[in-house]
PDB file of N, CA and C in Angstrom:
ATOM      1  N   MET A   1     -71.039  18.112  58.046  1.00  0.00           N
ATOM      2  CA  MET A   1     -70.921  18.151  56.236  1.00  0.00           C
ATOM      3  C   MET A   1     -69.605  18.090  57.240  1.00  0.00           C
ATOM      4  N   GLN A   2     -68.932  16.234  56.403  1.00  0.00           N
ATOM      5  CA  GLN A   2     -67.974  15.813  56.554  1.00  0.00           C
ATOM      6  C   GLN A   2     -65.914  17.225  56.500  1.00  0.00           C
ATOM      7  N   LYS A   3     -65.626  16.364  57.334  1.00  0.00           N
ATOM      8  CA  LYS A   3     -63.987  17.266  57.447  1.00  0.00           C
ATOM      9  C   LYS A   3     -63.087  15.980  57.280  1.00  0.00           C
ATOM     10  N   ILE A   4     -62.767  16.138  56.527  1.00  0.00           N
ATOM     11  CA  ILE A   4     -61.814  15.783  55.768  1.00  0.00           C
ATOM     12  C   ILE A   4     -59.934  16.569  55.966  1.00  0.00           C
ATOM     13  N   ALA A   5     -58.529  16.385  56.023  1.00  0.00           N
ATOM     14  CA  ALA A   5     -57.988  16.604  56.150  1.00  0.00           C
ATOM     15  C   ALA A   5     -55.990  15.209  55.568  1.00  0.00           C
ATOM     16  N   ALA A   6     -55.546  16.052  55.809  1.00  0.00           N
ATOM     17  CA  ALA A   6     -54.149  15.530  54.483  1.00  0.00           C
ATOM     18  C   ALA A   6     -52.892  15.600  55.132  1.00  0.00           C
ATOM     19  N   ILE A   7     -51.979  14.804  55.872  1.00  0.00           N
ATOM     20  CA  ILE A   7     -50.494  15.543  56.397  1.00  0.00           C
ATOM     21  C   ILE A   7     -49.259  14.455  55.342  1.00  0.00           C
ATOM     22  N   ASP A   8     -49.100  16.221  55.233  1.00  0.00           N
ATOM     23  CA  ASP A   8     -47.388  15.334  54.368  1.00  0.00           C
ATOM     24  C   ASP A   8     -46.276  15.455  55.221  1.00  0.00           C
ATOM     25  N   ILE A   9     -45.568  14.492  55.204  1.00  0.00           N
ATOM     26  CA  ILE A   9     -44.077  14.368  55.453  1.00  0.00           C
ATOM     27  C   ILE A   9     -43.134  15.006  54.139  1.00  0.00           C
ATOM     28  N   GLY A  10     -42.698  16.304  53.937  1.00  0.00           N
ATOM     29  CA  GLY A  10     -41.258  15.836  52.791  1.00  0.00           C
ATOM     30  C   GLY A  10     -40.844  16.072  53.538  1.00  0.00           C
ATOM     31  N   SER A  11     -39.300  16.281  52.517  1.00  0.00           N
ATOM     32  CA  SER A  11     -37.629  16.202  52.726  1.00  0.00           C
ATOM     33  C   SER A  11     -37.370  17.637  53.880  1.00  0.00           C
ATOM     34  N   ASN A  12     -38.424  18.596  52.601  1.00  0.00           N
ATOM     35  CA  ASN A  12     -38.189  19.567  53.575  1.00  0.00           C
ATOM     36  C   ASN A  12     -39.080  21.073  54.322  1.00  0.00           C
ATOM     37  N   ALA A  13     -40.745  20.138  54.340  1.00  0.00           N
ATOM     38  CA  ALA A  13     -41.640  20.789  55.854  1.00  0.00           C
ATOM     39  C   ALA A  13     -42.586  19.640  56.205  1.00  0.00           C
ATOM     40  N   ILE A  14     -43.288  20.094  56.785  1.00  0.00           N
ATOM     41  CA  ILE A  14     -44.264  19.262  57.332  1.00  0.00           C
ATOM     42  C   ILE A  14     -45.323  20.088  56.869  1.00  0.00           C
ATOM     43  N   ARG A  15     -46.166  19.059  56.317  1.00  0.00           N
ATOM     44  CA  ARG A  15     -48.144  20.198  55.760  1.00  0.00           C
ATOM     45  C   ARG A  15     -49.186  19.381  55.968  1.00  0.00           C
ATOM     46  N   MET A  16     -49.563  20.758  56.917  1.00  0.00           N
ATOM     47  CA  MET A  16     -51.282  19.890  56.884  1.00  0.00           C
ATOM     48  C   MET A  16     -52.398  20.579  57.155  1.00  0.00           C
ATOM     49  N   ILE A  17     -53.482  19.708  55.959  1.00  0.00           N
ATOM     50  CA  ILE A  17     -53.824  20.933  55.243  1.00  0.00           C
ATOM     51  C   ILE A  17     -56.200  20.103  55.485  1.00  0.00           C
ATOM     52  N   VAL A  18     -56.852  20.921  56.610  1.00  0.00           N
ATOM     53  CA  VAL A  18     -57.348  20.724  57.103  1.00  0.00           C
ATOM     54  C   VAL A  18     -58.749  20.540  55.929  1.00  0.00           C
ATOM     55  N   GLY A  19     -60.445  20.744  55.400  1.00  0.00           N
ATOM     56  CA  GLY A  19     -60.597  21.344  55.303  1.00  0.00           C
ATOM     57  C   GLY A  19     -62.401  20.410  55.402  1.00  0.00           C
ATOM     58  N   ARG A  20     -63.777  21.243  55.363  1.00  0.00           N
ATOM     59  CA  ARG A  20     -64.412  20.841  55.803  1.00  0.00           C
ATOM     60  C   ARG A  20     -65.885  20.190  54.086  1.00  0.00           C
ATOM     61  N   VAL A  21     -66.335  19.409  53.710  1.00  0.00           N
ATOM     62  CA  VAL A  21     -66.546  18.991  52.149  1.00  0.00           C
ATOM     63  C   VAL A  21     -67.936  18.955  52.630  1.00  0.00           C
ATOM     64  N   THR A  22     -68.411  20.715  51.217  1.00  0.00           N
ATOM     65  CA  THR A  22     -69.815  21.570  51.487  1.00  0.00           C
ATOM     66  C   THR A  22     -70.855  20.134  50.987  1.00  0.00           C
ATOM     67  N   ASP A  23     -72.246  20.574  50.564  1.00  0.00           N
ATOM     68  CA  ASP A  23     -73.500  20.161  50.802  1.00  0.00           C
ATOM     69  C   ASP A  23     -73.230  19.931  48.711  1.00  0.00           C
ATOM     70  N   LEU A  24     -72.538  21.134  49.090  1.00  0.00           N
ATOM     71  CA  LEU A  24     -72.379  21.101  47.275  1.00  0.00           C
ATOM     72  C   LEU A  24     -71.373  19.764  46.699  1.00  0.00           C
ATOM     73  N   TRP A  25     -70.637  19.623  47.866  1.00  0.00           N
ATOM     74  CA  TRP A  25     -69.330  18.475  47.012  1.00  0.00           C
ATOM     75  C   TRP A  25     -67.737  19.308  47.198  1.00  0.00           C
ATOM     76  N   GLU A  26     -67.882  20.346  47.411  1.00  0.00           N
ATOM     77  CA  GLU A  26     -66.699  20.874  46.784  1.00  0.00           C
ATOM     78  C   GLU A  26     -66.293  21.439  48.249  1.00  0.00           C
ATOM     79  N   VAL A  27     -65.587  21.499  48.929  1.00  0.00           N
ATOM     80  CA  VAL A  27     -63.454  20.922  49.886  1.00  0.00           C
ATOM     81  C   VAL A  27     -63.645  22.891  50.170  1.00  0.00           C
ATOM     82  N   GLU A  28     -64.135  22.928  51.867  1.00  0.00           N
ATOM     83  CA  GLU A  28     -64.023  24.448  52.492  1.00  0.00           C
ATOM     84  C   GLU A  28     -62.438  24.663  52.796  1.00  0.00           C
ATOM     85  N   LEU A  29     -61.718  25.917  52.405  1.00  0.00           N
ATOM     86  CA  LEU A  29     -60.519  25.248  52.984  1.00  0.00           C
ATOM     87  C   LEU A  29     -60.483  26.059  55.053  1.00  0.00           C
ATOM     88  N   LEU A  30     -59.910  25.503  56.175  1.00  0.00           N
ATOM     89  CA  LEU A  30     -60.626  25.275  57.110  1.00  0.00           C
ATOM     90  C   LEU A  30     -58.974  25.567  57.632  1.00  0.00           C
ATOM     91  N   GLU A  31     -57.865  24.926  56.957  1.00  0.00           N
ATOM     92  CA  GLU A  31     -57.030  25.482  58.366  1.00  0.00           C
ATOM     93  C   GLU A  31     -55.620  24.875  57.252  1.00  0.00           C
ATOM     94  N   ASN A  32     -55.180  25.907  56.963  1.00  0.00           N
ATOM     95  CA  ASN A  32     -53.248  25.104  55.425  1.00  0.00           C
ATOM     96  C   ASN A  32     -52.010  25.649  56.680  1.00  0.00           C
ATOM     97  N   ILE A  33     -51.497  24.149  56.631  1.00  0.00           N
ATOM     98  CA  ILE A  33     -50.820  24.954  57.881  1.00  0.00           C
ATOM     99  C   ILE A  33     -49.481  23.880  57.466  1.00  0.00           C
ATOM    100  N   ARG A  34     -47.828  25.146  57.581  1.00  0.00           N
ATOM    101  CA  ARG A  34     -46.764  24.162  57.217  1.00  0.00           C
ATOM    102  C   ARG A  34     -45.907  24.993  57.692  1.00  0.00           C
ATOM    103  N   LEU A  35     -44.974  23.721  58.396  1.00  0.00           N
ATOM    104  CA  LEU A  35     -44.192  23.871  59.583  1.00  0.00           C
ATOM    105  C   LEU A  35     -42.686  23.707  59.002  1.00  0.00           C
ATOM    106  N   PRO A  36     -41.413  24.159  57.890  1.00  0.00           N
ATOM    107  CA  PRO A  36     -40.599  24.407  57.502  1.00  0.00           C
ATOM    108  C   PRO A  36     -38.940  23.421  58.566  1.00  0.00           C
ATOM    109  N   GLY A  37     -39.082  23.015  57.791  1.00  0.00           N
ATOM    110  CA  GLY A  37     -38.029  21.885  58.005  1.00  0.00           C
ATOM    111  C   GLY A  37     -36.133  21.687  58.395  1.00  0.00           C
ATOM    112  N   PRO A  38     -35.612  20.533  57.936  1.00  0.00           N
ATOM    113  CA  PRO A  38     -36.417  19.733  59.309  1.00  0.00           C
ATOM    114  C   PRO A  38     -36.144  19.199  60.445  1.00  0.00           C
ATOM    115  N   PRO A  39     -36.929  20.262  61.285  1.00  0.00           N
ATOM    116  CA  PRO A  39     -36.215  19.606  62.689  1.00  0.00           C
ATOM    117  C   PRO A  39     -36.725  18.596  62.885  1.00  0.00           C
ATOM    118  N   TRP A  40     -37.467  17.501  62.424  1.00  0.00           N
ATOM    119  CA  TRP A  40     -37.579  16.612  63.306  1.00  0.00           C
ATOM    120  C   TRP A  40     -36.872  15.822  62.464  1.00  0.00           C
ATOM    121  N   ALA A  41     -35.975  15.197  61.792  1.00  0.00           N
ATOM    122  CA  ALA A  41     -34.368  14.350  61.272  1.00  0.00           C
ATOM    123  C   ALA A  41     -34.840  13.122  62.050  1.00  0.00           C
ATOM    124  N   GLY A  42     -35.329  13.397  63.885  1.00  0.00           N
ATOM    125  CA  GLY A  42     -34.401  12.940  64.915  1.00  0.00           C
ATOM    126  C   GLY A  42     -36.157  12.263  64.946  1.00  0.00           C
ATOM    127  N   CYS A  43     -37.731  12.068  64.257  1.00  0.00           N
ATOM    128  CA  CYS A  43     -38.006  11.458  64.797  1.00  0.00           C
ATOM    129  C   CYS A  43     -38.168  10.134  63.859  1.00  0.00           C
ATOM    130  N   PHE A  44     -37.904  10.501  63.599  1.00  0.00           N
ATOM    131  CA  PHE A  44     -37.802   9.105  62.541  1.00  0.00           C
ATOM    132  C   PHE A  44     -37.262   7.417  63.004  1.00  0.00           C
ATOM    133  N   HIS A  45     -37.743   5.939  63.098  1.00  0.00           N
ATOM    134  CA  HIS A  45     -36.912   5.208  63.502  1.00  0.00           C
ATOM    135  C   HIS A  45     -38.227   3.978  63.775  1.00  0.00           C
ATOM    136  N   ASN A  46     -37.094   3.571  62.418  1.00  0.00           N
ATOM    137  CA  ASN A  46     -38.229   2.033  61.730  1.00  0.00           C
ATOM    138  C   ASN A  46     -38.934   2.794  60.985  1.00  0.00           C
ATOM    139  N   GLY A  47     -38.847   3.064  59.513  1.00  0.00           N
ATOM    140  CA  GLY A  47     -39.596   4.053  60.050  1.00  0.00           C
ATOM    141  C   GLY A  47     -41.475   4.401  60.215  1.00  0.00           C
ATOM    142  N   GLU A  48     -41.279   4.894  60.705  1.00  0.00           N
ATOM    143  CA  GLU A  48     -42.570   4.926  61.941  1.00  0.00           C
ATOM    144  C   GLU A  48     -42.058   6.239  62.389  1.00  0.00           C
ATOM    145  N   ILE A  49     -42.557   6.743  62.468  1.00  0.00           N
ATOM    146  CA  ILE A  49     -42.491   8.603  63.505  1.00  0.00           C
ATOM    147  C   ILE A  49     -42.991   8.034  65.113  1.00  0.00           C
ATOM    148  N   THR A  50     -42.040   8.699  66.196  1.00  0.00           N
ATOM    149  CA  THR A  50     -41.935   8.588  67.270  1.00  0.00           C
ATOM    150  C   THR A  50     -42.492  10.297  67.904  1.00  0.00           C
ATOM    151  N   GLY A  51     -43.031   9.575  69.532  1.00  0.00           N
ATOM    152  CA  GLY A  51     -43.075  10.648  69.958  1.00  0.00           C
ATOM    153  C   GLY A  51     -42.040  11.184  71.482  1.00  0.00           C
ATOM    154  N   ASN A  52     -40.904  10.437  70.977  1.00  0.00           N
ATOM    155  CA  ASN A  52     -39.551  10.449  71.899  1.00  0.00           C
ATOM    156  C   ASN A  52     -39.003  12.298  71.131  1.00  0.00           C
ATOM    157  N   ASP A  53     -39.036  12.701  69.631  1.00  0.00           N
ATOM    158  CA  ASP A  53     -37.917  13.837  70.293  1.00  0.00           C
ATOM    159  C   ASP A  53     -39.157  14.668  69.927  1.00  0.00           C
ATOM    160  N   HIS A  54     -39.188  16.191  71.022  1.00  0.00           N
ATOM    161  CA  HIS A  54     -39.904  17.417  70.895  1.00  0.00           C
ATOM    162  C   HIS A  54     -40.020  18.183  70.492  1.00  0.00           C
ATOM    163  N   SER A  55     -39.326  17.931  69.815  1.00  0.00           N
ATOM    164  CA  SER A  55     -38.384  19.191  68.305  1.00  0.00           C
ATOM    165  C   SER A  55     -40.188  20.096  68.153  1.00  0.00           C
ATOM    166  N   ALA A  56     -40.183  20.756  67.004  1.00  0.00           N
ATOM    167  CA  ALA A  56     -41.122  21.089  66.387  1.00  0.00           C
ATOM    168  C   ALA A  56     -41.226  19.825  65.323  1.00  0.00           C
ATOM    169  N   GLY A  57     -42.481  19.451  65.133  1.00  0.00           N
ATOM    170  CA  GLY A  57     -43.328  18.818  64.007  1.00  0.00           C
ATOM    171  C   GLY A  57     -43.774  17.453  64.415  1.00  0.00           C
ATOM    172  N   CYS A  58     -43.080  16.886  65.791  1.00  0.00           N
ATOM    173  CA  CYS A  58     -43.176  15.590  66.728  1.00  0.00           C
ATOM    174  C   CYS A  58     -43.746  15.075  67.295  1.00  0.00           C
TER     175      CYS A  58
END
């Protein structure tokens, strides 16, 4: 079975959803994580996420 994931970095939260595609082409949810924010405001430099800020979500 193939695993798939999606990450959404929004203005008020970071979300990550992980699922597994079954033999019947259905998605089985494995993980659904939401980090409220924006504690990651200092993570973005030049349109990229850097590892320099070690606060939640970065």
